[in-house]
Amino acid sequence: IEVGVTTHAPDRFEFPSTMTNMRSGTWIMSGEGVQQDGVALSDDYGETLDNLSVGDRVGVMRSSLGDLHFYINGFDQGVAATGLPSRVYAFIDIYGQCVQVSIITPHSEGHIERRSFTESDDGDEEEVLTMSSRPELSSIDSDSAADDDGPESPLRFH
């Protein structure tokens, strides 16, 4: 998978076949590298996304200062980019052997919303929405909720 953020609003945007082809307003983690608008910022950023397996979690967060962080299994990989605009949209680019991802959104009433995206046999994408009890808080929720930089922007998925 590849994961990142873009300034392009999803309701007014025609998505390319892969987000790595984007040349404006896009920050993406691919493998163990980070790109901005198709140009490498780092080739050795953190743990590689290429070794993820079923049940692993990936997260992305834009801090209140405009710093971009990626998380793998709840561990912050560090600052990937700085100076991001205040409004960005998270995305996941599925390719290769990845056939399903789930986007989990915590709700204040103690439940989570889970959206699973699966490629069907005919190549179309299927979406499943479920609600369940809130899982145990992870280090991404408890350790990064606030720090000396002030409250973080709520853009997170894992």
N, C-alpha and C. Protein backbone atom coordinates (compact mmCIF):
# COMPACT_ATOMS: atom_id res chain seq x y z
N ILE A 1 0.85 -1.19 0.00
CA ILE A 1 0.00 0.00 0.00
C ILE A 1 0.88 1.24 0.00
N GLU A 2 0.28 2.33 -0.33
CA GLU A 2 0.87 3.64 -0.15
C GLU A 2 -0.16 4.46 0.61
N VAL A 3 0.30 5.37 1.43
CA VAL A 3 -0.61 6.17 2.26
C VAL A 3 -0.12 7.60 2.25
N GLY A 4 -1.05 8.54 2.33
CA GLY A 4 -0.62 9.93 2.33
C GLY A 4 -1.77 10.89 2.50
N VAL A 5 -1.49 12.15 2.16
CA VAL A 5 -2.49 13.21 2.22
C VAL A 5 -2.39 14.04 0.95
N THR A 6 -3.51 14.67 0.61
CA THR A 6 -3.56 15.55 -0.55
C THR A 6 -4.41 16.76 -0.24
N THR A 7 -4.16 17.85 -0.93
CA THR A 7 -4.98 19.06 -0.79
C THR A 7 -6.20 19.00 -1.70
N HIS A 8 -6.26 18.01 -2.57
CA HIS A 8 -7.36 17.90 -3.54
C HIS A 8 -8.58 17.28 -2.86
N ALA A 9 -9.69 18.02 -2.84
CA ALA A 9 -10.93 17.53 -2.23
C ALA A 9 -11.46 16.35 -3.04
N PRO A 10 -11.78 15.24 -2.37
CA PRO A 10 -12.19 14.03 -3.09
C PRO A 10 -13.47 14.20 -3.90
N ASP A 11 -14.35 15.11 -3.52
CA ASP A 11 -15.59 15.29 -4.26
C ASP A 11 -15.43 16.15 -5.51
N ARG A 12 -14.25 16.76 -5.69
CA ARG A 12 -14.00 17.59 -6.87
C ARG A 12 -12.72 17.16 -7.58
N PHE A 13 -12.46 15.87 -7.57
CA PHE A 13 -11.16 15.39 -8.02
C PHE A 13 -11.32 14.08 -8.78
N GLU A 14 -10.69 13.97 -9.92
CA GLU A 14 -10.67 12.70 -10.65
C GLU A 14 -9.37 11.99 -10.29
N PHE A 15 -9.49 10.88 -9.59
CA PHE A 15 -8.32 10.18 -9.09
C PHE A 15 -7.53 9.51 -10.21
N PRO A 16 -6.22 9.61 -10.15
CA PRO A 16 -5.38 8.92 -11.14
C PRO A 16 -5.32 7.43 -10.82
N SER A 17 -4.71 6.64 -11.70
CA SER A 17 -4.59 5.20 -11.45
C SER A 17 -3.74 4.93 -10.22
N THR A 18 -2.81 5.81 -9.90
CA THR A 18 -2.02 5.72 -8.68
C THR A 18 -1.71 7.13 -8.19
N MET A 19 -1.73 7.33 -6.89
CA MET A 19 -1.48 8.65 -6.33
C MET A 19 -0.02 9.07 -6.50
N THR A 20 0.88 8.14 -6.76
CA THR A 20 2.28 8.53 -6.99
C THR A 20 2.42 9.33 -8.28
N ASN A 21 1.40 9.35 -9.12
CA ASN A 21 1.43 10.16 -10.34
C ASN A 21 1.02 11.61 -10.08
N MET A 22 0.58 11.93 -8.88
CA MET A 22 0.16 13.29 -8.56
C MET A 22 1.38 14.22 -8.51
N ARG A 23 1.24 15.38 -9.10
CA ARG A 23 2.36 16.33 -9.17
C ARG A 23 2.06 17.65 -8.47
N SER A 24 0.97 17.67 -7.68
CA SER A 24 0.67 18.87 -6.90
C SER A 24 -0.10 18.51 -5.65
N GLY A 25 0.18 19.19 -4.56
CA GLY A 25 -0.58 19.07 -3.33
C GLY A 25 -0.68 17.68 -2.74
N THR A 26 0.37 16.85 -2.88
CA THR A 26 0.28 15.47 -2.40
C THR A 26 1.57 15.04 -1.71
N TRP A 27 1.43 14.46 -0.51
CA TRP A 27 2.54 13.89 0.25
C TRP A 27 2.21 12.42 0.44
N ILE A 28 3.15 11.53 0.16
CA ILE A 28 2.86 10.10 0.16
C ILE A 28 4.01 9.31 0.74
N MET A 29 3.69 8.28 1.54
CA MET A 29 4.69 7.33 2.01
C MET A 29 4.54 6.08 1.16
N SER A 30 5.61 5.68 0.54
CA SER A 30 5.63 4.51 -0.33
C SER A 30 6.87 3.70 0.03
N GLY A 31 6.68 2.42 0.34
CA GLY A 31 7.82 1.63 0.79
C GLY A 31 8.34 2.22 2.09
N GLU A 32 9.60 2.65 2.09
CA GLU A 32 10.15 3.33 3.27
C GLU A 32 10.52 4.77 2.95
N GLY A 33 10.03 5.27 1.82
CA GLY A 33 10.33 6.63 1.40
C GLY A 33 9.12 7.54 1.46
N VAL A 34 9.38 8.84 1.36
CA VAL A 34 8.33 9.86 1.37
C VAL A 34 8.53 10.75 0.15
N GLN A 35 7.43 11.05 -0.53
CA GLN A 35 7.46 11.93 -1.70
C GLN A 35 6.51 13.10 -1.50
N GLN A 36 6.88 14.21 -2.10
CA GLN A 36 5.97 15.36 -2.19
C GLN A 36 5.84 15.70 -3.66
N ASP A 37 4.62 15.66 -4.16
CA ASP A 37 4.34 15.99 -5.57
C ASP A 37 5.21 15.20 -6.53
N GLY A 38 5.45 13.93 -6.20
CA GLY A 38 6.22 13.05 -7.07
C GLY A 38 7.72 13.14 -6.93
N VAL A 39 8.21 13.99 -6.03
CA VAL A 39 9.65 14.16 -5.82
C VAL A 39 10.03 13.59 -4.45
N ALA A 40 11.08 12.79 -4.40
CA ALA A 40 11.49 12.15 -3.15
C ALA A 40 11.96 13.17 -2.13
N LEU A 41 11.39 13.12 -0.92
CA LEU A 41 11.88 13.89 0.21
C LEU A 41 12.86 13.06 1.02
N SER A 42 12.60 11.75 1.08
CA SER A 42 13.45 10.84 1.83
C SER A 42 13.29 9.44 1.25
N ASP A 43 14.40 8.75 1.06
CA ASP A 43 14.35 7.36 0.60
C ASP A 43 14.45 6.37 1.75
N ASP A 44 14.74 6.86 2.96
CA ASP A 44 14.94 6.01 4.13
C ASP A 44 14.25 6.64 5.33
N TYR A 45 12.92 6.79 5.25
CA TYR A 45 12.18 7.52 6.27
C TYR A 45 11.91 6.70 7.52
N GLY A 46 11.39 5.51 7.38
CA GLY A 46 11.01 4.71 8.55
C GLY A 46 10.88 3.26 8.16
N GLU A 47 10.09 2.52 8.95
CA GLU A 47 9.83 1.12 8.61
C GLU A 47 9.16 1.07 7.24
N THR A 48 9.39 0.02 6.50
CA THR A 48 8.81 -0.08 5.17
C THR A 48 7.37 -0.55 5.20
N LEU A 49 6.56 0.01 4.34
CA LEU A 49 5.17 -0.43 4.19
C LEU A 49 5.10 -1.74 3.41
N ASP A 50 6.17 -2.09 2.74
CA ASP A 50 6.18 -3.29 1.90
C ASP A 50 6.11 -4.59 2.70
N ASN A 51 6.41 -4.54 3.99
CA ASN A 51 6.40 -5.75 4.82
C ASN A 51 5.18 -5.86 5.71
N LEU A 52 4.15 -5.05 5.48
CA LEU A 52 2.94 -5.13 6.28
C LEU A 52 2.24 -6.45 6.04
N SER A 53 1.54 -6.92 7.08
CA SER A 53 0.76 -8.14 6.94
C SER A 53 -0.62 -7.92 7.54
N VAL A 54 -1.49 -8.90 7.40
CA VAL A 54 -2.86 -8.81 7.89
C VAL A 54 -2.85 -8.41 9.36
N GLY A 55 -3.64 -7.39 9.70
CA GLY A 55 -3.75 -6.94 11.08
C GLY A 55 -2.84 -5.77 11.42
N ASP A 56 -1.84 -5.47 10.59
CA ASP A 56 -0.99 -4.32 10.83
C ASP A 56 -1.79 -3.04 10.63
N ARG A 57 -1.38 -1.97 11.32
CA ARG A 57 -2.07 -0.69 11.26
C ARG A 57 -1.13 0.38 10.75
N VAL A 58 -1.67 1.25 9.92
CA VAL A 58 -0.93 2.38 9.38
C VAL A 58 -1.72 3.63 9.71
N GLY A 59 -1.05 4.69 10.13
CA GLY A 59 -1.73 5.94 10.45
C GLY A 59 -1.02 7.13 9.84
N VAL A 60 -1.76 8.21 9.72
CA VAL A 60 -1.20 9.46 9.22
C VAL A 60 -1.81 10.59 10.04
N MET A 61 -0.98 11.61 10.36
CA MET A 61 -1.47 12.73 11.15
C MET A 61 -0.77 14.01 10.70
N ARG A 62 -1.54 15.06 10.59
CA ARG A 62 -1.02 16.40 10.36
C ARG A 62 -1.12 17.14 11.68
N SER A 63 0.01 17.61 12.20
CA SER A 63 0.00 18.30 13.50
C SER A 63 -0.54 19.71 13.33
N SER A 64 -0.85 20.36 14.43
CA SER A 64 -1.34 21.74 14.39
C SER A 64 -0.30 22.70 13.82
N LEU A 65 0.97 22.29 13.79
CA LEU A 65 2.04 23.12 13.21
C LEU A 65 2.25 22.83 11.73
N GLY A 66 1.50 21.87 11.18
CA GLY A 66 1.63 21.53 9.77
C GLY A 66 2.67 20.45 9.49
N ASP A 67 3.08 19.72 10.53
CA ASP A 67 4.02 18.61 10.34
C ASP A 67 3.25 17.33 10.03
N LEU A 68 3.77 16.54 9.10
CA LEU A 68 3.15 15.29 8.71
C LEU A 68 3.89 14.13 9.36
N HIS A 69 3.13 13.27 10.03
CA HIS A 69 3.68 12.07 10.67
C HIS A 69 2.97 10.85 10.13
N PHE A 70 3.72 9.77 9.94
CA PHE A 70 3.16 8.47 9.61
C PHE A 70 3.40 7.53 10.78
N TYR A 71 2.49 6.60 10.99
CA TYR A 71 2.56 5.64 12.08
C TYR A 71 2.47 4.24 11.50
N ILE A 72 3.25 3.32 12.04
CA ILE A 72 3.12 1.92 11.69
C ILE A 72 2.93 1.15 12.99
N ASN A 73 1.79 0.47 13.10
CA ASN A 73 1.43 -0.26 14.31
C ASN A 73 1.54 0.60 15.56
N GLY A 74 1.10 1.85 15.44
CA GLY A 74 1.06 2.77 16.58
C GLY A 74 2.35 3.50 16.86
N PHE A 75 3.43 3.22 16.13
CA PHE A 75 4.71 3.87 16.38
C PHE A 75 4.95 4.99 15.37
N ASP A 76 5.17 6.18 15.91
CA ASP A 76 5.45 7.36 15.09
C ASP A 76 6.77 7.17 14.37
N GLN A 77 6.76 7.32 13.06
CA GLN A 77 7.97 7.18 12.25
C GLN A 77 8.76 8.49 12.18
N GLY A 78 8.24 9.54 12.81
CA GLY A 78 8.92 10.84 12.84
C GLY A 78 8.27 11.81 11.86
N VAL A 79 8.83 13.02 11.80
CA VAL A 79 8.31 14.04 10.90
C VAL A 79 8.70 13.68 9.47
N ALA A 80 7.69 13.53 8.62
CA ALA A 80 7.93 13.19 7.22
C ALA A 80 8.03 14.43 6.35
N ALA A 81 7.28 15.47 6.71
CA ALA A 81 7.27 16.72 5.94
C ALA A 81 6.78 17.83 6.85
N THR A 82 7.09 19.05 6.49
CA THR A 82 6.66 20.21 7.28
C THR A 82 5.94 21.20 6.35
N GLY A 83 5.22 22.13 6.97
CA GLY A 83 4.59 23.19 6.21
C GLY A 83 3.35 22.78 5.43
N LEU A 84 2.67 21.72 5.86
CA LEU A 84 1.45 21.30 5.17
C LEU A 84 0.34 22.32 5.41
N PRO A 85 -0.51 22.54 4.41
CA PRO A 85 -1.64 23.44 4.62
C PRO A 85 -2.61 22.86 5.65
N SER A 86 -3.51 23.70 6.16
CA SER A 86 -4.39 23.25 7.24
C SER A 86 -5.44 22.24 6.78
N ARG A 87 -5.84 22.24 5.52
CA ARG A 87 -6.84 21.29 5.04
C ARG A 87 -6.20 20.30 4.09
N VAL A 88 -6.12 19.05 4.55
CA VAL A 88 -5.63 17.96 3.70
C VAL A 88 -6.57 16.76 3.89
N TYR A 89 -6.56 15.86 2.91
CA TYR A 89 -7.41 14.69 2.91
C TYR A 89 -6.53 13.44 2.86
N ALA A 90 -6.79 12.50 3.74
CA ALA A 90 -6.01 11.27 3.78
C ALA A 90 -6.44 10.34 2.66
N PHE A 91 -5.49 9.53 2.18
CA PHE A 91 -5.82 8.52 1.17
C PHE A 91 -4.96 7.28 1.37
N ILE A 92 -5.44 6.18 0.83
CA ILE A 92 -4.70 4.92 0.79
C ILE A 92 -4.72 4.45 -0.66
N ASP A 93 -3.56 4.11 -1.18
CA ASP A 93 -3.42 3.62 -2.54
C ASP A 93 -3.13 2.12 -2.45
N ILE A 94 -4.07 1.31 -2.93
CA ILE A 94 -3.94 -0.15 -2.85
C ILE A 94 -3.39 -0.67 -4.16
N TYR A 95 -2.35 -1.49 -4.08
CA TYR A 95 -1.79 -2.10 -5.28
C TYR A 95 -1.07 -3.38 -4.89
N GLY A 96 -0.57 -4.11 -5.86
CA GLY A 96 0.20 -5.32 -5.58
C GLY A 96 -0.65 -6.40 -4.94
N GLN A 97 -0.18 -6.98 -3.85
CA GLN A 97 -0.86 -8.09 -3.22
C GLN A 97 -1.89 -7.66 -2.18
N CYS A 98 -2.02 -6.38 -1.94
CA CYS A 98 -3.02 -5.88 -0.98
C CYS A 98 -4.39 -5.92 -1.64
N VAL A 99 -5.35 -6.59 -0.99
CA VAL A 99 -6.69 -6.70 -1.56
C VAL A 99 -7.77 -6.06 -0.68
N GLN A 100 -7.43 -5.68 0.57
CA GLN A 100 -8.44 -5.07 1.43
C GLN A 100 -7.77 -4.18 2.46
N VAL A 101 -8.40 -3.03 2.75
CA VAL A 101 -7.99 -2.17 3.85
C VAL A 101 -9.25 -1.77 4.62
N SER A 102 -9.09 -1.45 5.89
CA SER A 102 -10.19 -0.95 6.71
C SER A 102 -9.78 0.39 7.27
N ILE A 103 -10.67 1.37 7.16
CA ILE A 103 -10.44 2.68 7.75
C ILE A 103 -11.28 2.74 9.01
N ILE A 104 -10.64 3.01 10.15
CA ILE A 104 -11.31 2.98 11.44
C ILE A 104 -11.39 4.40 11.99
N THR A 105 -12.60 4.82 12.35
CA THR A 105 -12.83 6.15 12.90
C THR A 105 -13.40 6.02 14.29
N PRO A 106 -12.67 6.48 15.33
CA PRO A 106 -13.23 6.39 16.69
C PRO A 106 -14.37 7.39 16.87
N HIS A 107 -15.39 6.99 17.59
CA HIS A 107 -16.51 7.87 17.92
C HIS A 107 -16.51 8.10 19.42
N SER A 108 -16.95 9.26 19.85
CA SER A 108 -16.92 9.62 21.26
C SER A 108 -17.83 8.73 22.11
N GLU A 109 -18.85 8.15 21.52
CA GLU A 109 -19.76 7.32 22.32
C GLU A 109 -19.24 5.91 22.56
N GLY A 110 -17.94 5.68 22.29
CA GLY A 110 -17.33 4.41 22.64
C GLY A 110 -17.40 3.34 21.57
N HIS A 111 -17.77 3.71 20.37
CA HIS A 111 -17.83 2.75 19.27
C HIS A 111 -16.87 3.20 18.17
N ILE A 112 -16.58 2.29 17.28
CA ILE A 112 -15.80 2.66 16.11
C ILE A 112 -16.58 2.34 14.86
N GLU A 113 -16.35 3.16 13.83
CA GLU A 113 -16.92 2.90 12.53
C GLU A 113 -15.81 2.31 11.69
N ARG A 114 -16.08 1.19 11.04
CA ARG A 114 -15.06 0.53 10.23
C ARG A 114 -15.58 0.45 8.80
N ARG A 115 -14.81 1.00 7.88
CA ARG A 115 -15.13 0.89 6.46
C ARG A 115 -14.06 0.01 5.83
N SER A 116 -14.49 -1.08 5.23
CA SER A 116 -13.57 -1.99 4.57
C SER A 116 -13.75 -1.89 3.07
N PHE A 117 -12.65 -1.82 2.38
CA PHE A 117 -12.66 -1.73 0.92
C PHE A 117 -11.97 -2.96 0.38
N THR A 118 -12.67 -3.71 -0.47
CA THR A 118 -12.16 -4.96 -1.01
C THR A 118 -12.33 -4.95 -2.52
N GLU A 119 -11.34 -5.43 -3.24
CA GLU A 119 -11.46 -5.58 -4.67
C GLU A 119 -12.20 -6.89 -4.94
N SER A 120 -13.29 -6.81 -5.72
CA SER A 120 -14.07 -8.01 -6.01
C SER A 120 -13.47 -8.76 -7.19
N ASP A 121 -14.01 -9.94 -7.47
CA ASP A 121 -13.51 -10.79 -8.55
C ASP A 121 -13.59 -10.11 -9.92
N ASP A 122 -14.59 -9.23 -10.11
CA ASP A 122 -14.72 -8.58 -11.41
C ASP A 122 -13.94 -7.26 -11.48
N GLY A 123 -13.13 -6.96 -10.47
CA GLY A 123 -12.28 -5.78 -10.48
C GLY A 123 -12.93 -4.55 -9.89
N ASP A 124 -14.23 -4.62 -9.56
CA ASP A 124 -14.91 -3.48 -8.95
C ASP A 124 -14.60 -3.45 -7.46
N GLU A 125 -14.73 -2.26 -6.87
CA GLU A 125 -14.46 -2.09 -5.44
C GLU A 125 -15.76 -2.24 -4.68
N GLU A 126 -15.75 -2.99 -3.58
CA GLU A 126 -16.90 -3.16 -2.72
C GLU A 126 -16.60 -2.51 -1.39
N GLU A 127 -17.60 -1.84 -0.78
CA GLU A 127 -17.41 -1.20 0.51
C GLU A 127 -18.37 -1.80 1.52
N VAL A 128 -17.86 -2.08 2.73
CA VAL A 128 -18.66 -2.62 3.81
C VAL A 128 -18.50 -1.70 5.01
N LEU A 129 -19.62 -1.29 5.63
CA LEU A 129 -19.59 -0.42 6.80
C LEU A 129 -20.13 -1.20 7.99
N THR A 130 -19.37 -1.22 9.10
CA THR A 130 -19.82 -1.90 10.31
C THR A 130 -19.55 -1.01 11.51
N MET A 131 -20.29 -1.21 12.60
CA MET A 131 -20.06 -0.53 13.87
C MET A 131 -19.73 -1.59 14.90
N SER A 132 -18.78 -1.32 15.79
CA SER A 132 -18.44 -2.27 16.83
C SER A 132 -17.95 -1.53 18.06
N SER A 133 -17.69 -2.27 19.14
CA SER A 133 -17.18 -1.67 20.36
C SER A 133 -15.80 -1.09 20.13
N ARG A 134 -15.48 -0.05 20.86
CA ARG A 134 -14.19 0.61 20.73
C ARG A 134 -13.08 -0.32 21.23
N PRO A 135 -12.03 -0.51 20.42
CA PRO A 135 -10.93 -1.35 20.86
C PRO A 135 -10.09 -0.64 21.91
N GLU A 136 -9.20 -1.37 22.52
CA GLU A 136 -8.27 -0.81 23.50
C GLU A 136 -7.50 0.33 22.86
N LEU A 137 -7.29 1.41 23.60
CA LEU A 137 -6.55 2.54 23.06
C LEU A 137 -5.12 2.14 22.74
N SER A 138 -4.63 2.61 21.62
CA SER A 138 -3.26 2.31 21.21
C SER A 138 -2.36 3.49 21.50
N SER A 139 -1.06 3.31 21.31
CA SER A 139 -0.13 4.39 21.58
C SER A 139 -0.36 5.59 20.67
N ILE A 140 -0.90 5.39 19.49
CA ILE A 140 -1.19 6.51 18.60
C ILE A 140 -2.27 7.39 19.20
N ASP A 141 -3.25 6.79 19.90
CA ASP A 141 -4.32 7.56 20.50
C ASP A 141 -3.86 8.24 21.79
N SER A 142 -3.15 7.51 22.63
CA SER A 142 -2.85 8.04 23.95
C SER A 142 -1.58 8.88 24.00
N ASP A 143 -0.57 8.52 23.23
CA ASP A 143 0.70 9.24 23.34
C ASP A 143 0.77 10.49 22.47
N SER A 144 -0.01 10.56 21.39
CA SER A 144 0.14 11.68 20.48
C SER A 144 -1.06 12.62 20.49
N ALA A 145 -1.98 12.44 21.42
CA ALA A 145 -3.17 13.27 21.43
C ALA A 145 -2.86 14.73 21.67
N ALA A 146 -1.86 15.02 22.46
CA ALA A 146 -1.45 16.40 22.71
C ALA A 146 0.00 16.39 23.14
N ASP A 147 0.68 17.47 22.82
CA ASP A 147 2.06 17.61 23.25
C ASP A 147 2.38 19.08 23.42
N ASP A 148 3.63 19.44 23.49
CA ASP A 148 4.02 20.82 23.70
C ASP A 148 3.60 21.73 22.54
N ASP A 149 3.32 21.15 21.37
CA ASP A 149 2.93 21.92 20.20
C ASP A 149 1.44 22.27 20.21
N GLY A 150 0.71 21.80 21.21
CA GLY A 150 -0.72 22.06 21.26
C GLY A 150 -1.50 20.88 20.71
N PRO A 151 -2.82 21.01 20.60
CA PRO A 151 -3.64 19.90 20.12
C PRO A 151 -3.35 19.58 18.67
N GLU A 152 -3.49 18.33 18.34
CA GLU A 152 -3.22 17.86 16.98
C GLU A 152 -4.50 17.94 16.14
N SER A 153 -4.34 18.02 14.84
CA SER A 153 -5.47 17.96 13.93
C SER A 153 -6.06 16.57 13.97
N PRO A 154 -7.35 16.41 13.77
CA PRO A 154 -7.98 15.10 13.93
C PRO A 154 -7.82 14.16 12.74
N LEU A 155 -6.93 14.45 11.82
CA LEU A 155 -6.73 13.59 10.66
C LEU A 155 -5.88 12.40 11.05
N ARG A 156 -6.52 11.26 11.26
CA ARG A 156 -5.81 10.03 11.62
C ARG A 156 -6.59 8.85 11.10
N PHE A 157 -5.91 7.84 10.67
CA PHE A 157 -6.52 6.54 10.44
C PHE A 157 -5.47 5.49 10.68
N HIS A 158 -5.90 4.33 11.07
CA HIS A 158 -4.98 3.23 11.33
C HIS A 158 -5.71 1.93 11.30
